[in-house]
Amino acid sequence: MVLEVTAKDNKGKVYKEVKSYYPIGIDLDGYMRYGAWQIKEMIDLTLQPKTIQNEQVVFEFDKDVKSADVTVNVYYYISGKKGDRIYTASKQLSFE
């Protein structure tokens, strides 16, 4: 799964943060590996079913920014590079 948070301020500047949740295969020396013959242990960084994961994303906007459009997308990857968007939400933020 991939969490993608994008913010676009009223000046047109775009901010983006991406977080991935996936299992990591490591070898005996602790290095990440992809080949099944190299993997000796798995570290599970996936999201488990029916669990909630709270994430905090911080963007530093310029001082004169008045508003920003924030969009959150969650993509699910079964395998390969094709991901399906399973959730999206948008919100308009105003700053005083």
N, C-alpha and C. Protein backbone atom coordinates (compact mmCIF):
# COMPACT_ATOMS: atom_id res chain seq x y z
N MET A 1 0.84 -1.17 0.00
CA MET A 1 0.00 0.00 0.00
C MET A 1 0.89 1.23 0.00
N VAL A 2 0.35 2.29 -0.58
CA VAL A 2 1.06 3.56 -0.62
C VAL A 2 0.10 4.67 -0.22
N LEU A 3 0.54 5.51 0.73
CA LEU A 3 -0.19 6.69 1.15
C LEU A 3 0.48 7.89 0.49
N GLU A 4 -0.30 8.68 -0.24
CA GLU A 4 0.22 9.84 -0.94
C GLU A 4 -0.57 11.07 -0.51
N VAL A 5 0.12 12.05 0.06
CA VAL A 5 -0.52 13.29 0.50
C VAL A 5 0.07 14.44 -0.32
N THR A 6 -0.81 15.20 -0.98
CA THR A 6 -0.39 16.30 -1.83
C THR A 6 -1.10 17.57 -1.39
N ALA A 7 -0.35 18.65 -1.30
CA ALA A 7 -0.94 19.96 -0.97
C ALA A 7 -0.52 20.96 -2.03
N LYS A 8 -1.47 21.78 -2.46
CA LYS A 8 -1.19 22.84 -3.43
C LYS A 8 -1.67 24.15 -2.83
N ASP A 9 -0.72 25.09 -2.61
CA ASP A 9 -1.10 26.35 -2.00
C ASP A 9 -1.70 27.31 -3.02
N ASN A 10 -2.21 28.45 -2.54
CA ASN A 10 -2.89 29.40 -3.42
C ASN A 10 -1.94 30.05 -4.42
N LYS A 11 -0.63 29.88 -4.27
CA LYS A 11 0.35 30.41 -5.22
C LYS A 11 0.71 29.38 -6.29
N GLY A 12 0.20 28.15 -6.15
CA GLY A 12 0.47 27.12 -7.14
C GLY A 12 1.62 26.18 -6.78
N LYS A 13 2.26 26.41 -5.65
CA LYS A 13 3.36 25.55 -5.22
C LYS A 13 2.81 24.23 -4.70
N VAL A 14 3.42 23.12 -5.12
CA VAL A 14 2.93 21.78 -4.77
C VAL A 14 3.89 21.12 -3.78
N TYR A 15 3.32 20.52 -2.75
CA TYR A 15 4.05 19.79 -1.73
C TYR A 15 3.57 18.34 -1.77
N LYS A 16 4.47 17.39 -1.57
CA LYS A 16 4.07 15.99 -1.69
C LYS A 16 4.83 15.14 -0.69
N GLU A 17 4.13 14.19 -0.07
CA GLU A 17 4.73 13.23 0.86
C GLU A 17 4.16 11.86 0.51
N VAL A 18 5.03 10.85 0.45
CA VAL A 18 4.61 9.49 0.11
C VAL A 18 5.16 8.54 1.16
N LYS A 19 4.30 7.62 1.62
CA LYS A 19 4.73 6.60 2.57
C LYS A 19 4.28 5.24 2.04
N SER A 20 5.19 4.28 2.04
CA SER A 20 4.90 2.94 1.54
C SER A 20 4.86 1.94 2.68
N TYR A 21 3.96 0.99 2.57
CA TYR A 21 3.83 -0.10 3.54
C TYR A 21 4.04 -1.40 2.78
N TYR A 22 5.13 -2.12 3.08
CA TYR A 22 5.45 -3.34 2.35
C TYR A 22 6.37 -4.21 3.19
N PRO A 23 6.41 -5.51 2.90
CA PRO A 23 7.34 -6.38 3.62
C PRO A 23 8.75 -6.22 3.05
N ILE A 24 9.73 -6.34 3.91
CA ILE A 24 11.13 -6.23 3.49
C ILE A 24 11.82 -7.56 3.75
N GLY A 25 12.49 -8.07 2.73
CA GLY A 25 13.31 -9.26 2.90
C GLY A 25 14.74 -8.83 3.17
N ILE A 26 15.36 -9.39 4.21
CA ILE A 26 16.74 -9.03 4.53
C ILE A 26 17.62 -10.28 4.53
N ASP A 27 18.91 -10.07 4.26
CA ASP A 27 19.86 -11.18 4.27
C ASP A 27 20.51 -11.30 5.65
N LEU A 28 21.49 -12.18 5.78
CA LEU A 28 22.15 -12.41 7.07
C LEU A 28 22.87 -11.18 7.60
N ASP A 29 23.28 -10.27 6.70
CA ASP A 29 23.98 -9.06 7.11
C ASP A 29 23.04 -7.89 7.40
N GLY A 30 21.74 -8.09 7.22
CA GLY A 30 20.76 -7.05 7.49
C GLY A 30 20.47 -6.13 6.32
N TYR A 31 20.93 -6.49 5.12
CA TYR A 31 20.67 -5.67 3.93
C TYR A 31 19.39 -6.13 3.23
N MET A 32 18.64 -5.17 2.66
CA MET A 32 17.40 -5.49 1.97
C MET A 32 17.71 -6.27 0.69
N ARG A 33 16.98 -7.35 0.48
CA ARG A 33 17.17 -8.21 -0.69
C ARG A 33 15.81 -8.54 -1.31
N TYR A 34 15.86 -8.85 -2.62
CA TYR A 34 14.64 -9.19 -3.35
C TYR A 34 14.61 -10.63 -3.80
N GLY A 35 15.75 -11.24 -4.02
CA GLY A 35 15.80 -12.63 -4.48
C GLY A 35 15.46 -13.60 -3.36
N ALA A 36 14.59 -14.57 -3.65
CA ALA A 36 14.16 -15.53 -2.62
C ALA A 36 15.35 -16.29 -2.04
N TRP A 37 16.37 -16.56 -2.83
CA TRP A 37 17.54 -17.30 -2.36
C TRP A 37 18.41 -16.46 -1.42
N GLN A 38 18.24 -15.13 -1.45
CA GLN A 38 19.03 -14.24 -0.61
C GLN A 38 18.35 -13.91 0.73
N ILE A 39 17.02 -14.02 0.75
CA ILE A 39 16.25 -13.59 1.92
C ILE A 39 16.34 -14.64 3.02
N LYS A 40 16.72 -14.19 4.19
CA LYS A 40 16.81 -15.07 5.35
C LYS A 40 15.78 -14.72 6.42
N GLU A 41 15.24 -13.51 6.35
CA GLU A 41 14.26 -13.06 7.34
C GLU A 41 13.37 -12.00 6.71
N MET A 42 12.13 -11.91 7.18
CA MET A 42 11.19 -10.91 6.67
C MET A 42 10.85 -9.91 7.78
N ILE A 43 10.80 -8.64 7.41
CA ILE A 43 10.30 -7.60 8.30
C ILE A 43 9.00 -7.10 7.69
N ASP A 44 7.92 -7.24 8.43
CA ASP A 44 6.60 -6.90 7.90
C ASP A 44 6.23 -5.47 8.22
N LEU A 45 6.24 -4.60 7.21
CA LEU A 45 5.84 -3.21 7.37
C LEU A 45 4.50 -2.94 6.71
N THR A 46 3.72 -3.98 6.46
CA THR A 46 2.42 -3.82 5.81
C THR A 46 1.36 -3.41 6.83
N LEU A 47 0.24 -2.94 6.34
CA LEU A 47 -0.91 -2.65 7.20
C LEU A 47 -1.74 -3.92 7.31
N GLN A 48 -2.01 -4.32 8.51
CA GLN A 48 -2.80 -5.53 8.73
C GLN A 48 -4.30 -5.22 8.56
N PRO A 49 -5.08 -6.21 8.13
CA PRO A 49 -6.52 -5.98 7.94
C PRO A 49 -7.19 -5.52 9.24
N LYS A 50 -8.13 -4.62 9.08
CA LYS A 50 -8.97 -4.08 10.16
C LYS A 50 -8.17 -3.38 11.25
N THR A 51 -7.01 -2.86 10.92
CA THR A 51 -6.26 -2.05 11.87
C THR A 51 -6.22 -0.62 11.38
N ILE A 52 -6.02 0.30 12.29
CA ILE A 52 -5.97 1.72 11.96
C ILE A 52 -4.54 2.20 12.16
N GLN A 53 -4.04 2.92 11.18
CA GLN A 53 -2.70 3.49 11.27
C GLN A 53 -2.83 5.00 11.15
N ASN A 54 -2.50 5.72 12.19
CA ASN A 54 -2.53 7.18 12.16
C ASN A 54 -1.19 7.69 11.65
N GLU A 55 -1.24 8.60 10.70
CA GLU A 55 -0.04 9.20 10.14
C GLU A 55 -0.15 10.71 10.26
N GLN A 56 0.97 11.37 10.46
CA GLN A 56 1.01 12.82 10.52
C GLN A 56 1.97 13.32 9.45
N VAL A 57 1.47 14.21 8.62
CA VAL A 57 2.28 14.80 7.55
C VAL A 57 2.34 16.30 7.80
N VAL A 58 3.54 16.85 7.79
CA VAL A 58 3.74 18.28 8.05
C VAL A 58 4.36 18.92 6.82
N PHE A 59 3.69 19.94 6.30
CA PHE A 59 4.23 20.74 5.21
C PHE A 59 4.51 22.14 5.75
N GLU A 60 5.63 22.73 5.39
CA GLU A 60 5.96 24.09 5.79
C GLU A 60 5.64 25.03 4.64
N PHE A 61 4.52 25.72 4.77
CA PHE A 61 4.09 26.68 3.76
C PHE A 61 4.80 28.01 3.99
N ASP A 62 4.90 28.81 2.92
CA ASP A 62 5.45 30.16 3.05
C ASP A 62 4.54 30.99 3.95
N LYS A 63 5.08 32.04 4.55
CA LYS A 63 4.31 32.85 5.51
C LYS A 63 3.13 33.57 4.88
N ASP A 64 3.21 33.89 3.60
CA ASP A 64 2.14 34.65 2.95
C ASP A 64 1.10 33.77 2.25
N VAL A 65 1.12 32.47 2.49
CA VAL A 65 0.12 31.56 1.90
C VAL A 65 -1.20 31.72 2.65
N LYS A 66 -2.27 31.88 1.89
CA LYS A 66 -3.59 32.10 2.48
C LYS A 66 -4.44 30.81 2.56
N SER A 67 -4.21 29.89 1.60
CA SER A 67 -5.01 28.66 1.59
C SER A 67 -4.24 27.55 0.87
N ALA A 68 -4.74 26.33 1.06
CA ALA A 68 -4.13 25.17 0.39
C ALA A 68 -5.18 24.10 0.19
N ASP A 69 -5.07 23.41 -0.94
CA ASP A 69 -5.91 22.25 -1.22
C ASP A 69 -5.09 21.00 -0.90
N VAL A 70 -5.59 20.15 0.00
CA VAL A 70 -4.87 18.94 0.41
C VAL A 70 -5.65 17.73 -0.09
N THR A 71 -4.93 16.81 -0.74
CA THR A 71 -5.54 15.58 -1.25
C THR A 71 -4.78 14.39 -0.71
N VAL A 72 -5.53 13.40 -0.24
CA VAL A 72 -4.95 12.15 0.27
C VAL A 72 -5.42 11.02 -0.63
N ASN A 73 -4.47 10.22 -1.13
CA ASN A 73 -4.78 9.04 -1.93
C ASN A 73 -4.12 7.83 -1.30
N VAL A 74 -4.82 6.71 -1.30
CA VAL A 74 -4.26 5.43 -0.85
C VAL A 74 -4.35 4.47 -2.03
N TYR A 75 -3.20 3.88 -2.38
CA TYR A 75 -3.11 2.94 -3.49
C TYR A 75 -2.79 1.55 -2.96
N TYR A 76 -3.39 0.55 -3.58
CA TYR A 76 -3.12 -0.84 -3.22
C TYR A 76 -2.45 -1.52 -4.40
N TYR A 77 -1.29 -2.12 -4.15
CA TYR A 77 -0.53 -2.81 -5.18
C TYR A 77 -0.57 -4.31 -4.90
N ILE A 78 -1.20 -5.07 -5.81
CA ILE A 78 -1.21 -6.52 -5.66
C ILE A 78 0.17 -7.05 -6.01
N SER A 79 0.67 -6.65 -7.15
CA SER A 79 2.04 -7.00 -7.55
C SER A 79 2.44 -6.07 -8.69
N GLY A 80 3.72 -5.89 -8.86
CA GLY A 80 4.19 -5.07 -9.97
C GLY A 80 4.00 -3.60 -9.72
N LYS A 81 3.89 -2.85 -10.82
CA LYS A 81 3.84 -1.39 -10.73
C LYS A 81 2.45 -0.81 -10.86
N LYS A 82 1.45 -1.65 -11.16
CA LYS A 82 0.10 -1.13 -11.31
C LYS A 82 -0.61 -1.10 -9.96
N GLY A 83 -0.92 0.11 -9.50
CA GLY A 83 -1.63 0.27 -8.23
C GLY A 83 -3.04 0.76 -8.47
N ASP A 84 -3.96 0.27 -7.66
CA ASP A 84 -5.35 0.71 -7.72
C ASP A 84 -5.62 1.67 -6.58
N ARG A 85 -6.20 2.83 -6.90
CA ARG A 85 -6.56 3.78 -5.85
C ARG A 85 -7.78 3.25 -5.13
N ILE A 86 -7.65 3.05 -3.82
CA ILE A 86 -8.76 2.50 -3.05
C ILE A 86 -9.41 3.54 -2.14
N TYR A 87 -8.76 4.71 -1.98
CA TYR A 87 -9.33 5.75 -1.13
C TYR A 87 -8.79 7.10 -1.59
N THR A 88 -9.64 8.10 -1.55
CA THR A 88 -9.22 9.46 -1.83
C THR A 88 -10.06 10.43 -1.00
N ALA A 89 -9.45 11.50 -0.55
CA ALA A 89 -10.15 12.54 0.20
C ALA A 89 -9.44 13.86 -0.07
N SER A 90 -10.24 14.94 -0.12
CA SER A 90 -9.69 16.28 -0.36
C SER A 90 -10.27 17.25 0.65
N LYS A 91 -9.48 18.26 0.97
CA LYS A 91 -9.95 19.28 1.91
C LYS A 91 -9.27 20.61 1.59
N GLN A 92 -10.04 21.68 1.67
CA GLN A 92 -9.55 23.04 1.47
C GLN A 92 -9.21 23.61 2.84
N LEU A 93 -7.95 24.04 3.02
CA LEU A 93 -7.51 24.64 4.28
C LEU A 93 -7.32 26.14 4.09
N SER A 94 -7.73 26.91 5.09
CA SER A 94 -7.53 28.37 5.07
C SER A 94 -6.67 28.75 6.25
N PHE A 95 -5.75 29.68 6.03
CA PHE A 95 -4.86 30.15 7.07
C PHE A 95 -5.14 31.62 7.34
N GLU A 96 -5.11 32.00 8.58
CA GLU A 96 -5.38 33.40 8.97
C GLU A 96 -4.10 34.17 9.09
